[in-house]
Amino acid sequence: MSKWDEQILVVERNIIFDNEKNNFYGFIPKSDEKVSNIRKTFSNYQVKRRGDMEEDPSYKQLISYTLVKDKKTGNVLVYTRLIGGGEARLHGKSSVGIGGHMNNVAEKNIDEILKINASREVEEEIGIDFQEVLDNIEFIGLINDDKEEVGKVHIGLVYIVKVDKEKINVTEDDTLLVEWLNSDKAKNIGNYESWSEFLKPIM
């Protein structure tokens, strides 16, 4: 199946932002009232074909974006996409967010669906056991960037999970360069994709 035929979770923009009353730019933490309001709208999700949604700004695609830290040191996992991996527009860009589109999960409520999707992405990218991620992952906020064409059709659900870095197994090591950096070094990287740039204050 083409990635464009993937069935993904979306919510109408007008519903998510309550006709722009709850619109925001950048990262906002879960303590922000707007996050609480926006999260309540996710239960209005629809399942749509990804290819149809990529150029339809009347919908926001729900995207998990998980910050991974080492349990012992607190170091941040930073990865850089090399030529040949993933989306061409992100080649050479560094990121602290592991994530992707959300798919429906039968007989689960929306909060469970979102956590399951975020946990699966972490398992797929760095090999940490799914159940271990699911038991430890925590929602911390939202990202929105309507200034970018790609950002206009996505909203980021930001999670954090602490793992044992000795357990990671990067399956795409030919297309991803992975480093563990302390907070100061992680914040000083200058070639982050925009969503990771927004997360510098919490690295």
Protein backbone atom coordinates (compact mmCIF):
# COMPACT_ATOMS: atom_id res chain seq x y z
CA MET A 1 0.00 0.00 0.00
CA SER A 2 1.24 3.48 -0.87
CA LYS A 3 1.79 5.76 2.13
CA TRP A 4 -0.74 8.10 0.52
CA ASP A 5 -3.44 5.43 0.91
CA GLU A 6 -2.85 5.14 4.66
CA GLN A 7 -6.01 5.79 6.69
CA ILE A 8 -5.14 8.47 9.26
CA LEU A 9 -6.82 10.39 12.07
CA VAL A 10 -7.81 13.99 11.35
CA VAL A 11 -10.00 16.63 12.97
CA GLU A 12 -11.60 19.58 11.25
CA ARG A 13 -9.55 22.74 11.80
CA ASN A 14 -12.60 24.77 12.84
CA ILE A 15 -13.37 22.21 15.55
CA ILE A 16 -9.79 21.94 16.85
CA PHE A 17 -9.32 25.70 17.14
CA ASP A 18 -12.95 26.58 17.92
CA ASN A 19 -13.10 28.84 14.87
CA GLU A 20 -9.57 30.14 15.61
CA LYS A 21 -10.24 31.11 19.26
CA ASN A 22 -7.76 28.47 20.39
CA ASN A 23 -5.24 28.91 17.59
CA PHE A 24 -1.58 29.20 18.67
CA TYR A 25 1.94 29.15 17.26
CA GLY A 26 4.83 27.01 18.48
CA PHE A 27 4.76 24.74 21.54
CA ILE A 28 2.33 25.13 24.42
CA PRO A 29 2.47 22.91 27.54
CA LYS A 30 -0.45 20.84 28.81
CA SER A 31 -0.95 23.34 31.67
CA ASP A 32 -2.16 25.88 29.08
CA GLU A 33 -5.96 26.15 28.95
CA LYS A 34 -5.87 26.00 25.15
CA VAL A 35 -4.34 22.51 25.32
CA SER A 36 -7.16 21.30 27.51
CA ASN A 37 -9.73 22.76 25.11
CA ILE A 38 -8.03 21.34 22.02
CA ARG A 39 -7.59 17.85 23.51
CA LYS A 40 -11.32 17.64 24.09
CA THR A 41 -11.88 18.07 20.33
CA PHE A 42 -9.83 14.99 19.42
CA SER A 43 -12.82 12.75 20.15
CA ASN A 44 -14.34 14.33 17.00
CA TYR A 45 -11.70 12.61 14.88
CA GLN A 46 -12.42 11.23 11.43
CA VAL A 47 -10.48 8.60 9.49
CA LYS A 48 -9.38 9.86 6.08
CA ARG A 49 -6.98 8.90 3.29
CA ARG A 50 -3.61 10.56 3.89
CA GLY A 51 -3.13 11.60 0.26
CA ASP A 52 -6.39 13.52 0.32
CA MET A 53 -5.45 15.33 3.53
CA GLU A 54 -1.95 16.52 2.64
CA GLU A 55 -3.24 19.57 0.78
CA ASP A 56 -6.49 20.18 2.64
CA PRO A 57 -5.96 22.81 5.37
CA SER A 58 -9.58 22.50 6.48
CA TYR A 59 -8.37 19.43 8.43
CA LYS A 60 -5.51 18.94 10.87
CA GLN A 61 -3.72 15.58 10.78
CA LEU A 62 -2.89 14.32 14.29
CA ILE A 63 0.86 13.65 14.55
CA SER A 64 2.68 12.12 17.53
CA TYR A 65 6.01 13.77 18.41
CA THR A 66 7.88 12.07 21.27
CA LEU A 67 10.91 13.47 23.07
CA VAL A 68 13.13 10.60 24.29
CA LYS A 69 15.44 10.97 27.29
CA ASP A 70 17.84 8.58 28.98
CA LYS A 71 16.60 7.48 32.42
CA LYS A 72 20.01 7.69 34.09
CA THR A 73 21.58 10.83 32.63
CA GLY A 74 18.62 12.83 31.34
CA ASN A 75 20.41 13.14 28.00
CA VAL A 76 18.22 13.83 24.97
CA LEU A 77 18.07 11.59 21.91
CA VAL A 78 18.86 13.72 18.84
CA TYR A 79 18.77 12.24 15.37
CA THR A 80 19.67 13.59 11.96
CA ARG A 81 18.07 12.32 8.75
CA LEU A 82 20.65 11.37 6.16
CA ILE A 83 20.10 11.32 2.40
CA GLY A 84 17.92 8.39 1.42
CA GLY A 85 15.69 8.24 4.46
CA GLY A 86 12.20 9.56 5.04
CA GLU A 87 10.94 12.79 3.59
CA ALA A 88 13.33 14.65 1.28
CA ARG A 89 12.43 18.03 2.77
CA LEU A 90 13.91 16.92 6.12
CA HIS A 91 17.23 15.54 4.84
CA GLY A 92 20.11 16.98 6.85
CA LYS A 93 17.75 18.29 9.51
CA SER A 94 18.10 17.25 13.15
CA SER A 95 15.17 16.34 15.35
CA VAL A 96 14.30 15.38 18.92
CA GLY A 97 10.81 14.16 18.02
CA ILE A 98 9.98 10.58 17.09
CA GLY A 99 6.56 10.40 15.56
CA GLY A 100 4.17 9.98 12.73
CA HIS A 101 0.57 9.86 11.63
CA MET A 102 -2.08 8.28 13.83
CA ASN A 103 -4.22 5.31 12.84
CA ASN A 104 -7.48 4.16 14.37
CA VAL A 105 -7.43 1.41 17.03
CA ALA A 106 -10.61 -0.60 17.53
CA GLU A 107 -12.41 -0.53 20.89
CA LYS A 108 -10.14 2.11 22.46
CA ASN A 109 -10.97 5.64 23.57
CA ILE A 110 -9.23 8.55 21.89
CA ASP A 111 -6.60 9.06 24.63
CA GLU A 112 -5.66 5.37 24.44
CA ILE A 113 -5.56 5.50 20.63
CA LEU A 114 -3.16 8.44 20.69
CA LYS A 115 -0.83 6.89 23.29
CA ILE A 116 -0.79 3.56 21.44
CA ASN A 117 0.17 5.28 18.18
CA ALA A 118 2.91 7.36 19.82
CA SER A 119 4.33 4.26 21.55
CA ARG A 120 4.33 2.22 18.34
CA GLU A 121 6.33 4.91 16.57
CA VAL A 122 8.99 4.87 19.29
CA GLU A 123 9.21 1.07 19.11
CA GLU A 124 9.51 1.14 15.32
CA GLU A 125 12.20 3.84 15.24
CA ILE A 126 14.45 2.91 18.15
CA GLY A 127 13.44 -0.62 19.14
CA ILE A 128 12.24 0.00 22.70
CA ASP A 129 9.57 -2.55 23.68
CA PHE A 130 6.08 -1.23 22.90
CA GLN A 131 4.60 -2.07 26.30
CA GLU A 132 7.52 -0.44 28.12
CA VAL A 133 7.00 2.75 26.14
CA LEU A 134 3.22 2.65 26.64
CA ASP A 135 3.65 2.28 30.42
CA ASN A 136 6.01 5.28 30.66
CA ILE A 137 5.03 7.73 27.94
CA GLU A 138 3.50 11.02 29.07
CA PHE A 139 1.64 13.72 27.14
CA ILE A 140 3.24 17.15 27.68
CA GLY A 141 1.75 19.58 25.15
CA LEU A 142 0.96 20.56 21.58
CA ILE A 143 2.79 22.03 18.58
CA ASN A 144 1.28 24.09 15.77
CA ASP A 145 3.03 25.90 12.94
CA ASP A 146 0.72 27.45 10.37
CA LYS A 147 3.57 29.51 8.92
CA GLU A 148 4.87 26.42 7.08
CA GLU A 149 2.91 24.81 4.25
CA VAL A 150 3.37 21.35 5.79
CA GLY A 151 2.46 22.69 9.23
CA LYS A 152 -0.86 24.01 8.02
CA VAL A 153 -2.23 20.48 7.72
CA HIS A 154 -0.68 18.97 10.88
CA ILE A 155 -0.88 19.40 14.66
CA GLY A 156 1.76 17.84 16.90
CA LEU A 157 0.88 15.90 20.06
CA VAL A 158 4.05 16.09 22.15
CA TYR A 159 4.98 13.25 24.49
CA ILE A 160 8.04 12.45 26.57
CA VAL A 161 9.37 9.02 27.51
CA LYS A 162 12.42 8.08 29.58
CA VAL A 163 14.22 4.93 28.48
CA ASP A 164 17.41 2.95 29.11
CA LYS A 165 19.59 4.14 26.22
CA GLU A 166 21.44 0.80 26.23
CA LYS A 167 18.22 -0.84 25.00
CA ILE A 168 17.75 1.19 21.84
CA ASN A 169 18.19 -0.46 18.48
CA VAL A 170 18.02 1.86 15.48
CA THR A 171 16.83 -0.23 12.56
CA GLU A 172 17.39 2.53 9.98
CA ASP A 173 20.99 3.30 10.98
CA ASP A 174 21.90 3.85 7.35
CA THR A 175 19.48 6.79 7.12
CA LEU A 176 19.51 8.08 10.72
CA LEU A 177 22.45 9.40 12.73
CA VAL A 178 21.58 9.10 16.44
CA GLU A 179 23.30 10.92 19.32
CA TRP A 180 22.61 11.33 23.04
CA LEU A 181 23.32 14.91 24.10
CA ASN A 182 23.05 16.73 27.40
CA SER A 183 20.53 19.55 27.61
CA ASP A 184 22.96 22.38 26.79
CA LYS A 185 24.43 20.64 23.74
CA ALA A 186 20.99 19.64 22.47
CA LYS A 187 19.77 23.24 22.75
CA ASN A 188 22.80 24.51 20.82
CA ILE A 189 22.17 22.52 17.65
CA GLY A 190 21.39 24.93 14.84
CA ASN A 191 19.79 22.80 12.14
CA TYR A 192 16.65 21.51 13.81
CA GLU A 193 13.39 21.07 11.93
CA SER A 194 10.90 23.69 13.12
CA TRP A 195 8.98 21.46 15.55
CA SER A 196 12.18 20.50 17.38
CA GLU A 197 13.24 24.15 17.51
CA PHE A 198 10.02 24.83 19.43
CA LEU A 199 11.00 22.21 22.05
CA LYS A 200 14.39 23.73 22.96
CA PRO A 201 13.07 25.13 26.29
CA ILE A 202 12.22 21.62 27.52
CA MET A 203 15.24 19.71 26.20
